[in-house]
Amino acid sequence: MCLTEKPMDIKQLDMYIQKNKRLPGFESAKFYEEHGMNLNDIIIKQQEKIEEIFLYLIELKKENELLKTELNQLKNK
């Protein structure tokens, strides 16, 4: 994933994790136990997930600021 891509909707991500017991883009722990892991691939996937987290945080910050503004407007009525 690059920064221009929008991450999976947080609700969809939650459902995916509950169903699959892992983050999208990763195999199950059992898979890695049986087949090993390519450290370079894991690092790349981890970096992608870090980028997704930052995009989620930015989205939440914007939503939070909007809610603060709306709350202040309601208080000032």
C-alpha atoms as a PDB file:
ATOM      1  CA  MET A   1       0.000   0.000   0.000  1.00  0.00           C
ATOM      2  CA  CYS A   2       1.254   3.468  -0.754  1.00  0.00           C
ATOM      3  CA  LEU A   3       0.145   6.651   0.953  1.00  0.00           C
ATOM      4  CA  THR A   4      -2.192   7.549  -1.909  1.00  0.00           C
ATOM      5  CA  GLU A   5      -4.288   4.447  -1.259  1.00  0.00           C
ATOM      6  CA  LYS A   6      -7.103   4.594   1.253  1.00  0.00           C
ATOM      7  CA  PRO A   7      -6.861   1.880   3.913  1.00  0.00           C
ATOM      8  CA  MET A   8      -9.645  -0.627   4.457  1.00  0.00           C
ATOM      9  CA  ASP A   9     -12.619   0.817   6.329  1.00  0.00           C
ATOM     10  CA  ILE A  10     -12.021   0.368  10.065  1.00  0.00           C
ATOM     11  CA  LYS A  11     -15.248  -1.632  10.483  1.00  0.00           C
ATOM     12  CA  GLN A  12     -14.261  -3.944   7.642  1.00  0.00           C
ATOM     13  CA  LEU A  13     -10.800  -4.305   9.171  1.00  0.00           C
ATOM     14  CA  ASP A  14     -12.311  -5.208  12.543  1.00  0.00           C
ATOM     15  CA  MET A  15     -14.544  -7.846  10.947  1.00  0.00           C
ATOM     16  CA  TYR A  16     -11.608  -9.244   8.959  1.00  0.00           C
ATOM     17  CA  ILE A  17      -9.447  -9.559  12.077  1.00  0.00           C
ATOM     18  CA  GLN A  18     -12.257 -11.184  14.071  1.00  0.00           C
ATOM     19  CA  LYS A  19     -12.887 -13.690  11.275  1.00  0.00           C
ATOM     20  CA  ASN A  20      -9.280 -14.460  10.299  1.00  0.00           C
ATOM     21  CA  LYS A  21      -7.448 -13.791  13.593  1.00  0.00           C
ATOM     22  CA  ARG A  22      -4.780 -11.804  11.734  1.00  0.00           C
ATOM     23  CA  LEU A  23      -4.204  -8.576   9.841  1.00  0.00           C
ATOM     24  CA  PRO A  24      -4.856  -8.494   6.105  1.00  0.00           C
ATOM     25  CA  GLY A  25      -1.696  -9.141   4.125  1.00  0.00           C
ATOM     26  CA  PHE A  26      -0.260 -11.573   6.654  1.00  0.00           C
ATOM     27  CA  GLU A  27      -0.534 -15.333   6.787  1.00  0.00           C
ATOM     28  CA  SER A  28      -1.565 -17.249   9.891  1.00  0.00           C
ATOM     29  CA  ALA A  29       1.003 -17.935  12.593  1.00  0.00           C
ATOM     30  CA  LYS A  30       0.738 -21.624  11.720  1.00  0.00           C
ATOM     31  CA  PHE A  31       1.705 -20.850   8.109  1.00  0.00           C
ATOM     32  CA  TYR A  32       4.872 -19.064   9.271  1.00  0.00           C
ATOM     33  CA  GLU A  33       5.693 -21.883  11.695  1.00  0.00           C
ATOM     34  CA  GLU A  34       5.434 -24.446   8.897  1.00  0.00           C
ATOM     35  CA  HIS A  35       6.984 -22.466   6.042  1.00  0.00           C
ATOM     36  CA  GLY A  36       9.237 -19.978   7.777  1.00  0.00           C
ATOM     37  CA  MET A  37       9.213 -16.323   6.903  1.00  0.00           C
ATOM     38  CA  ASN A  38      11.102 -13.998   4.622  1.00  0.00           C
ATOM     39  CA  LEU A  39      12.265 -11.209   6.897  1.00  0.00           C
ATOM     40  CA  ASN A  40      12.313  -8.661   4.066  1.00  0.00           C
ATOM     41  CA  ASP A  41       8.668  -9.417   3.215  1.00  0.00           C
ATOM     42  CA  ILE A  42       7.652  -9.115   6.856  1.00  0.00           C
ATOM     43  CA  ILE A  43       9.399  -5.745   7.210  1.00  0.00           C
ATOM     44  CA  ILE A  44       7.664  -4.430   4.086  1.00  0.00           C
ATOM     45  CA  LYS A  45       4.269  -5.621   5.348  1.00  0.00           C
ATOM     46  CA  GLN A  46       4.905  -4.074   8.761  1.00  0.00           C
ATOM     47  CA  GLN A  47       5.785  -0.751   7.132  1.00  0.00           C
ATOM     48  CA  GLU A  48       2.534  -0.889   5.142  1.00  0.00           C
ATOM     49  CA  LYS A  49       0.574  -1.473   8.356  1.00  0.00           C
ATOM     50  CA  ILE A  50       2.360   1.446  10.045  1.00  0.00           C
ATOM     51  CA  GLU A  51       1.341   3.680   7.140  1.00  0.00           C
ATOM     52  CA  GLU A  52      -2.257   2.458   7.445  1.00  0.00           C
ATOM     53  CA  ILE A  53      -2.243   3.248  11.166  1.00  0.00           C
ATOM     54  CA  PHE A  54      -1.099   6.797  10.464  1.00  0.00           C
ATOM     55  CA  LEU A  55      -3.851   7.223   7.875  1.00  0.00           C
ATOM     56  CA  TYR A  56      -6.408   5.993  10.430  1.00  0.00           C
ATOM     57  CA  LEU A  57      -5.019   8.413  13.022  1.00  0.00           C
ATOM     58  CA  ILE A  58      -5.205  11.334  10.623  1.00  0.00           C
ATOM     59  CA  GLU A  59      -8.790  10.416   9.742  1.00  0.00           C
ATOM     60  CA  LEU A  60      -9.726  10.165  13.429  1.00  0.00           C
ATOM     61  CA  LYS A  61      -8.057  13.503  14.189  1.00  0.00           C
ATOM     62  CA  LYS A  62     -10.061  15.201  11.438  1.00  0.00           C
ATOM     63  CA  GLU A  63     -13.268  13.608  12.711  1.00  0.00           C
ATOM     64  CA  ASN A  64     -12.429  14.658  16.262  1.00  0.00           C
ATOM     65  CA  GLU A  65     -11.802  18.274  15.207  1.00  0.00           C
ATOM     66  CA  LEU A  66     -15.100  18.345  13.329  1.00  0.00           C
ATOM     67  CA  LEU A  67     -16.948  17.019  16.375  1.00  0.00           C
ATOM     68  CA  LYS A  68     -15.262  19.614  18.604  1.00  0.00           C
ATOM     69  CA  THR A  69     -16.349  22.365  16.238  1.00  0.00           C
ATOM     70  CA  GLU A  70     -19.927  21.095  16.168  1.00  0.00           C
ATOM     71  CA  LEU A  71     -19.978  20.794  19.955  1.00  0.00           C
ATOM     72  CA  ASN A  72     -18.720  24.357  20.376  1.00  0.00           C
ATOM     73  CA  GLN A  73     -21.348  25.615  17.941  1.00  0.00           C
ATOM     74  CA  LEU A  74     -24.063  23.861  19.947  1.00  0.00           C
ATOM     75  CA  LYS A  75     -22.733  25.295  23.200  1.00  0.00           C
ATOM     76  CA  ASN A  76     -22.767  28.806  21.781  1.00  0.00           C
ATOM     77  CA  LYS A  77     -26.401  28.689  20.655  1.00  0.00           C
END
